[in-house]
Structure formats: C-alpha cells, structure tokens
C-alpha cells in the first residue's frame, strides 16, 4: 500500500492557519508587523551618577510603549518609579532595560533607592506623561 502525502493547496493553508496560533504566533504575526510594533516603542536613555540623573525630566506619551535604557557612570544606583511599579538596580557600565506602557497622564517622580553617599537624598527626576 502506498501513502500519498501530497496535499491540496487550500488544505495546506488551512493547516497552517490552525497550527500557527498553537505555536504562539497570532494570525497577524509576520516580520513586517513585528517590525512595526518594535519601531513604535520609544527608547529613553537615562544616565545615573552621584547624585543626579541625566536627563532629570523625561516626557512620554500616554499609551506609547517605552523602554528605559538605564546606565550608571560610577557605581550601583537604583531607579524607582513607584507610581508605575518600576524598580531596578543600575550596575555601572551596563545597560539595564525596563519596559512599560504609561497608561495615565501626570507628573511622576523617580529616585535612587540605593544609598550612594551624601547627596543621595536629592538624586531624583520626573516623568511627565502627556496625551
């Protein structure tokens, strides 16, 4: 007995559409849609050093995904943006990435929560989220 493994093109397309979601790829999944999603993220670099962040004020748009790229120039600092539940250590000479979507507008303070010496208490900044 001989098994015929050839498949009708429409049956093949239906099979692909049924298998893709099971593999974790939505029907709209394609390199073009992934690229569009990644390009819509805003990347914000914030540098920490004894007793300041640069920039100390960051403007964001509500609903636009953001990736903070945090780095320290001297030693371990912290980054705490409590209003959005974000917190991370910032080791020196590394990039720490934090991704989030600001869903509400307003002014939100962030600060260093790793003691870094006299002046630590003034190491802070502000996120401004606008429509």
C-alpha atoms as a PDB file:
ATOM      1  CA  UNK A   1       0.000   0.000   0.000  1.00  0.00           C
ATOM      2  CA  UNK A   2       1.303   3.395  -0.954  1.00  0.00           C
ATOM      3  CA  UNK A   3       0.645   6.544   1.149  1.00  0.00           C
ATOM      4  CA  UNK A   4       0.020   9.752  -0.793  1.00  0.00           C
ATOM      5  CA  UNK A   5       1.436  12.718   1.199  1.00  0.00           C
ATOM      6  CA  UNK A   6       0.578  15.405  -1.336  1.00  0.00           C
ATOM      7  CA  UNK A   7      -1.873  17.950  -0.045  1.00  0.00           C
ATOM      8  CA  UNK A   8      -4.289  20.263  -1.783  1.00  0.00           C
ATOM      9  CA  UNK A   9      -3.018  23.910  -1.528  1.00  0.00           C
ATOM     10  CA  UNK A  10      -6.158  25.102   0.265  1.00  0.00           C
ATOM     11  CA  UNK A  11      -5.897  22.283   2.801  1.00  0.00           C
ATOM     12  CA  UNK A  12      -2.261  23.250   3.380  1.00  0.00           C
ATOM     13  CA  UNK A  13      -3.222  26.885   4.002  1.00  0.00           C
ATOM     14  CA  UNK A  14      -5.947  25.845   6.448  1.00  0.00           C
ATOM     15  CA  UNK A  15      -3.498  23.607   8.265  1.00  0.00           C
ATOM     16  CA  UNK A  16      -1.009  26.490   8.593  1.00  0.00           C
ATOM     17  CA  UNK A  17      -3.739  28.786   9.962  1.00  0.00           C
ATOM     18  CA  UNK A  18      -4.720  26.163  12.525  1.00  0.00           C
ATOM     19  CA  UNK A  19      -1.157  25.386  13.626  1.00  0.00           C
ATOM     20  CA  UNK A  20       0.202  28.976  13.873  1.00  0.00           C
ATOM     21  CA  UNK A  21      -1.853  30.001  16.944  1.00  0.00           C
ATOM     22  CA  UNK A  22      -0.922  26.756  18.692  1.00  0.00           C
ATOM     23  CA  UNK A  23       2.747  27.654  18.187  1.00  0.00           C
ATOM     24  CA  UNK A  24       2.229  31.059  19.801  1.00  0.00           C
ATOM     25  CA  UNK A  25       2.081  33.108  16.622  1.00  0.00           C
ATOM     26  CA  UNK A  26      -1.143  35.095  16.103  1.00  0.00           C
ATOM     27  CA  UNK A  27      -2.678  35.163  12.671  1.00  0.00           C
ATOM     28  CA  UNK A  28      -1.298  38.653  12.063  1.00  0.00           C
ATOM     29  CA  UNK A  29       2.200  37.524  13.002  1.00  0.00           C
ATOM     30  CA  UNK A  30       4.708  38.492  10.354  1.00  0.00           C
ATOM     31  CA  UNK A  31       8.122  40.130  10.249  1.00  0.00           C
ATOM     32  CA  UNK A  32       6.509  43.347   8.999  1.00  0.00           C
ATOM     33  CA  UNK A  33       4.033  43.559  11.897  1.00  0.00           C
ATOM     34  CA  UNK A  34       6.751  42.721  14.437  1.00  0.00           C
ATOM     35  CA  UNK A  35       8.972  45.442  12.995  1.00  0.00           C
ATOM     36  CA  UNK A  36       6.140  47.978  13.166  1.00  0.00           C
ATOM     37  CA  UNK A  37       5.489  47.071  16.808  1.00  0.00           C
ATOM     38  CA  UNK A  38       9.165  47.401  17.765  1.00  0.00           C
ATOM     39  CA  UNK A  39       9.512  50.705  15.930  1.00  0.00           C
ATOM     40  CA  UNK A  40       6.525  52.186  17.812  1.00  0.00           C
ATOM     41  CA  UNK A  41       8.375  51.776  21.141  1.00  0.00           C
ATOM     42  CA  UNK A  42      10.054  54.870  22.495  1.00  0.00           C
ATOM     43  CA  UNK A  43      13.591  54.313  23.827  1.00  0.00           C
ATOM     44  CA  UNK A  44      14.761  56.681  26.566  1.00  0.00           C
ATOM     45  CA  UNK A  45      18.350  56.656  27.816  1.00  0.00           C
ATOM     46  CA  UNK A  46      18.868  57.751  31.406  1.00  0.00           C
ATOM     47  CA  UNK A  47      22.350  58.015  32.886  1.00  0.00           C
ATOM     48  CA  UNK A  48      22.915  57.882  36.638  1.00  0.00           C
ATOM     49  CA  UNK A  49      25.931  59.209  38.508  1.00  0.00           C
ATOM     50  CA  UNK A  50      26.448  60.524  42.015  1.00  0.00           C
ATOM     51  CA  UNK A  51      23.774  62.430  42.786  1.00  0.00           C
ATOM     52  CA  UNK A  52      21.925  63.017  39.544  1.00  0.00           C
ATOM     53  CA  UNK A  53      20.107  61.511  36.606  1.00  0.00           C
ATOM     54  CA  UNK A  54      20.506  62.814  33.099  1.00  0.00           C
ATOM     55  CA  UNK A  55      18.031  63.746  31.842  1.00  0.00           C
ATOM     56  CA  UNK A  56      16.231  64.524  35.076  1.00  0.00           C
ATOM     57  CA  UNK A  57      12.933  65.148  33.271  1.00  0.00           C
ATOM     58  CA  UNK A  58      11.517  62.779  30.668  1.00  0.00           C
ATOM     59  CA  UNK A  59       8.406  63.446  28.573  1.00  0.00           C
ATOM     60  CA  UNK A  60       6.315  60.479  27.427  1.00  0.00           C
ATOM     61  CA  UNK A  61       3.036  59.936  25.578  1.00  0.00           C
ATOM     62  CA  UNK A  62       0.216  58.058  27.283  1.00  0.00           C
ATOM     63  CA  UNK A  63      -0.259  54.600  25.793  1.00  0.00           C
ATOM     64  CA  UNK A  64       3.055  54.542  23.891  1.00  0.00           C
ATOM     65  CA  UNK A  65       5.349  51.686  24.995  1.00  0.00           C
ATOM     66  CA  UNK A  66       8.628  52.888  26.497  1.00  0.00           C
ATOM     67  CA  UNK A  67      11.937  51.164  27.078  1.00  0.00           C
ATOM     68  CA  UNK A  68      14.140  52.889  29.632  1.00  0.00           C
ATOM     69  CA  UNK A  69      17.819  52.196  28.965  1.00  0.00           C
ATOM     70  CA  UNK A  70      19.481  52.884  32.304  1.00  0.00           C
ATOM     71  CA  UNK A  71      23.227  53.068  32.873  1.00  0.00           C
ATOM     72  CA  UNK A  72      25.500  54.183  35.706  1.00  0.00           C
ATOM     73  CA  UNK A  73      28.779  56.021  35.239  1.00  0.00           C
ATOM     74  CA  UNK A  74      30.263  55.343  38.676  1.00  0.00           C
ATOM     75  CA  UNK A  75      28.742  52.643  40.908  1.00  0.00           C
ATOM     76  CA  UNK A  76      25.453  50.856  41.588  1.00  0.00           C
ATOM     77  CA  UNK A  77      22.473  53.179  41.762  1.00  0.00           C
ATOM     78  CA  UNK A  78      18.784  52.433  41.906  1.00  0.00           C
ATOM     79  CA  UNK A  79      15.836  53.509  39.795  1.00  0.00           C
ATOM     80  CA  UNK A  80      12.433  53.574  41.473  1.00  0.00           C
ATOM     81  CA  UNK A  81       9.333  54.831  39.667  1.00  0.00           C
ATOM     82  CA  UNK A  82       6.817  53.754  42.305  1.00  0.00           C
ATOM     83  CA  UNK A  83       3.686  55.154  40.615  1.00  0.00           C
ATOM     84  CA  UNK A  84       4.153  52.593  37.825  1.00  0.00           C
ATOM     85  CA  UNK A  85       5.623  49.796  39.940  1.00  0.00           C
ATOM     86  CA  UNK A  86       9.039  50.002  38.272  1.00  0.00           C
ATOM     87  CA  UNK A  87      12.247  49.355  40.197  1.00  0.00           C
ATOM     88  CA  UNK A  88      15.734  48.224  39.251  1.00  0.00           C
ATOM     89  CA  UNK A  89      19.355  48.361  40.246  1.00  0.00           C
ATOM     90  CA  UNK A  90      21.615  50.133  37.759  1.00  0.00           C
ATOM     91  CA  UNK A  91      25.058  48.473  37.745  1.00  0.00           C
ATOM     92  CA  UNK A  92      27.950  50.536  36.387  1.00  0.00           C
ATOM     93  CA  UNK A  93      28.932  50.197  32.722  1.00  0.00           C
ATOM     94  CA  UNK A  94      25.922  48.027  31.854  1.00  0.00           C
ATOM     95  CA  UNK A  95      22.592  48.834  30.255  1.00  0.00           C
ATOM     96  CA  UNK A  96      19.518  47.891  32.258  1.00  0.00           C
ATOM     97  CA  UNK A  97      16.286  47.908  30.261  1.00  0.00           C
ATOM     98  CA  UNK A  98      12.841  48.474  31.770  1.00  0.00           C
ATOM     99  CA  UNK A  99       9.790  48.317  29.508  1.00  0.00           C
ATOM    100  CA  UNK A 100       6.371  49.682  30.389  1.00  0.00           C
ATOM    101  CA  UNK A 101       3.372  51.495  28.960  1.00  0.00           C
ATOM    102  CA  UNK A 102       2.368  54.721  30.745  1.00  0.00           C
ATOM    103  CA  UNK A 103      -1.417  54.457  30.966  1.00  0.00           C
ATOM    104  CA  UNK A 104      -2.145  57.689  32.868  1.00  0.00           C
ATOM    105  CA  UNK A 105      -1.136  61.288  32.479  1.00  0.00           C
ATOM    106  CA  UNK A 106       0.580  63.467  35.047  1.00  0.00           C
ATOM    107  CA  UNK A 107       3.929  64.103  36.701  1.00  0.00           C
ATOM    108  CA  UNK A 108       5.574  61.129  38.406  1.00  0.00           C
ATOM    109  CA  UNK A 109       8.765  61.257  40.424  1.00  0.00           C
ATOM    110  CA  UNK A 110      11.565  58.702  40.268  1.00  0.00           C
ATOM    111  CA  UNK A 111      14.527  58.444  42.632  1.00  0.00           C
ATOM    112  CA  UNK A 112      17.637  56.487  43.525  1.00  0.00           C
ATOM    113  CA  UNK A 113      16.841  53.902  46.174  1.00  0.00           C
ATOM    114  CA  UNK A 114      20.401  52.580  46.628  1.00  0.00           C
ATOM    115  CA  UNK A 115      22.394  54.740  49.031  1.00  0.00           C
ATOM    116  CA  UNK A 116      25.208  56.390  47.069  1.00  0.00           C
ATOM    117  CA  UNK A 117      26.659  58.889  49.552  1.00  0.00           C
ATOM    118  CA  UNK A 118      25.974  62.359  50.881  1.00  0.00           C
ATOM    119  CA  UNK A 119      23.594  63.931  48.376  1.00  0.00           C
ATOM    120  CA  UNK A 120      21.764  60.657  47.691  1.00  0.00           C
ATOM    121  CA  UNK A 121      18.515  62.069  49.053  1.00  0.00           C
ATOM    122  CA  UNK A 122      18.468  64.658  46.232  1.00  0.00           C
ATOM    123  CA  UNK A 123      19.014  62.139  43.420  1.00  0.00           C
ATOM    124  CA  UNK A 124      15.660  62.238  41.679  1.00  0.00           C
ATOM    125  CA  UNK A 125      13.875  63.049  38.467  1.00  0.00           C
ATOM    126  CA  UNK A 126      10.434  63.315  36.959  1.00  0.00           C
ATOM    127  CA  UNK A 127       8.453  61.530  34.271  1.00  0.00           C
ATOM    128  CA  UNK A 128       5.844  63.709  32.557  1.00  0.00           C
ATOM    129  CA  UNK A 129       3.153  61.723  30.750  1.00  0.00           C
ATOM    130  CA  UNK A 130       1.010  63.691  28.295  1.00  0.00           C
ATOM    131  CA  UNK A 131      -1.848  62.838  25.925  1.00  0.00           C
END
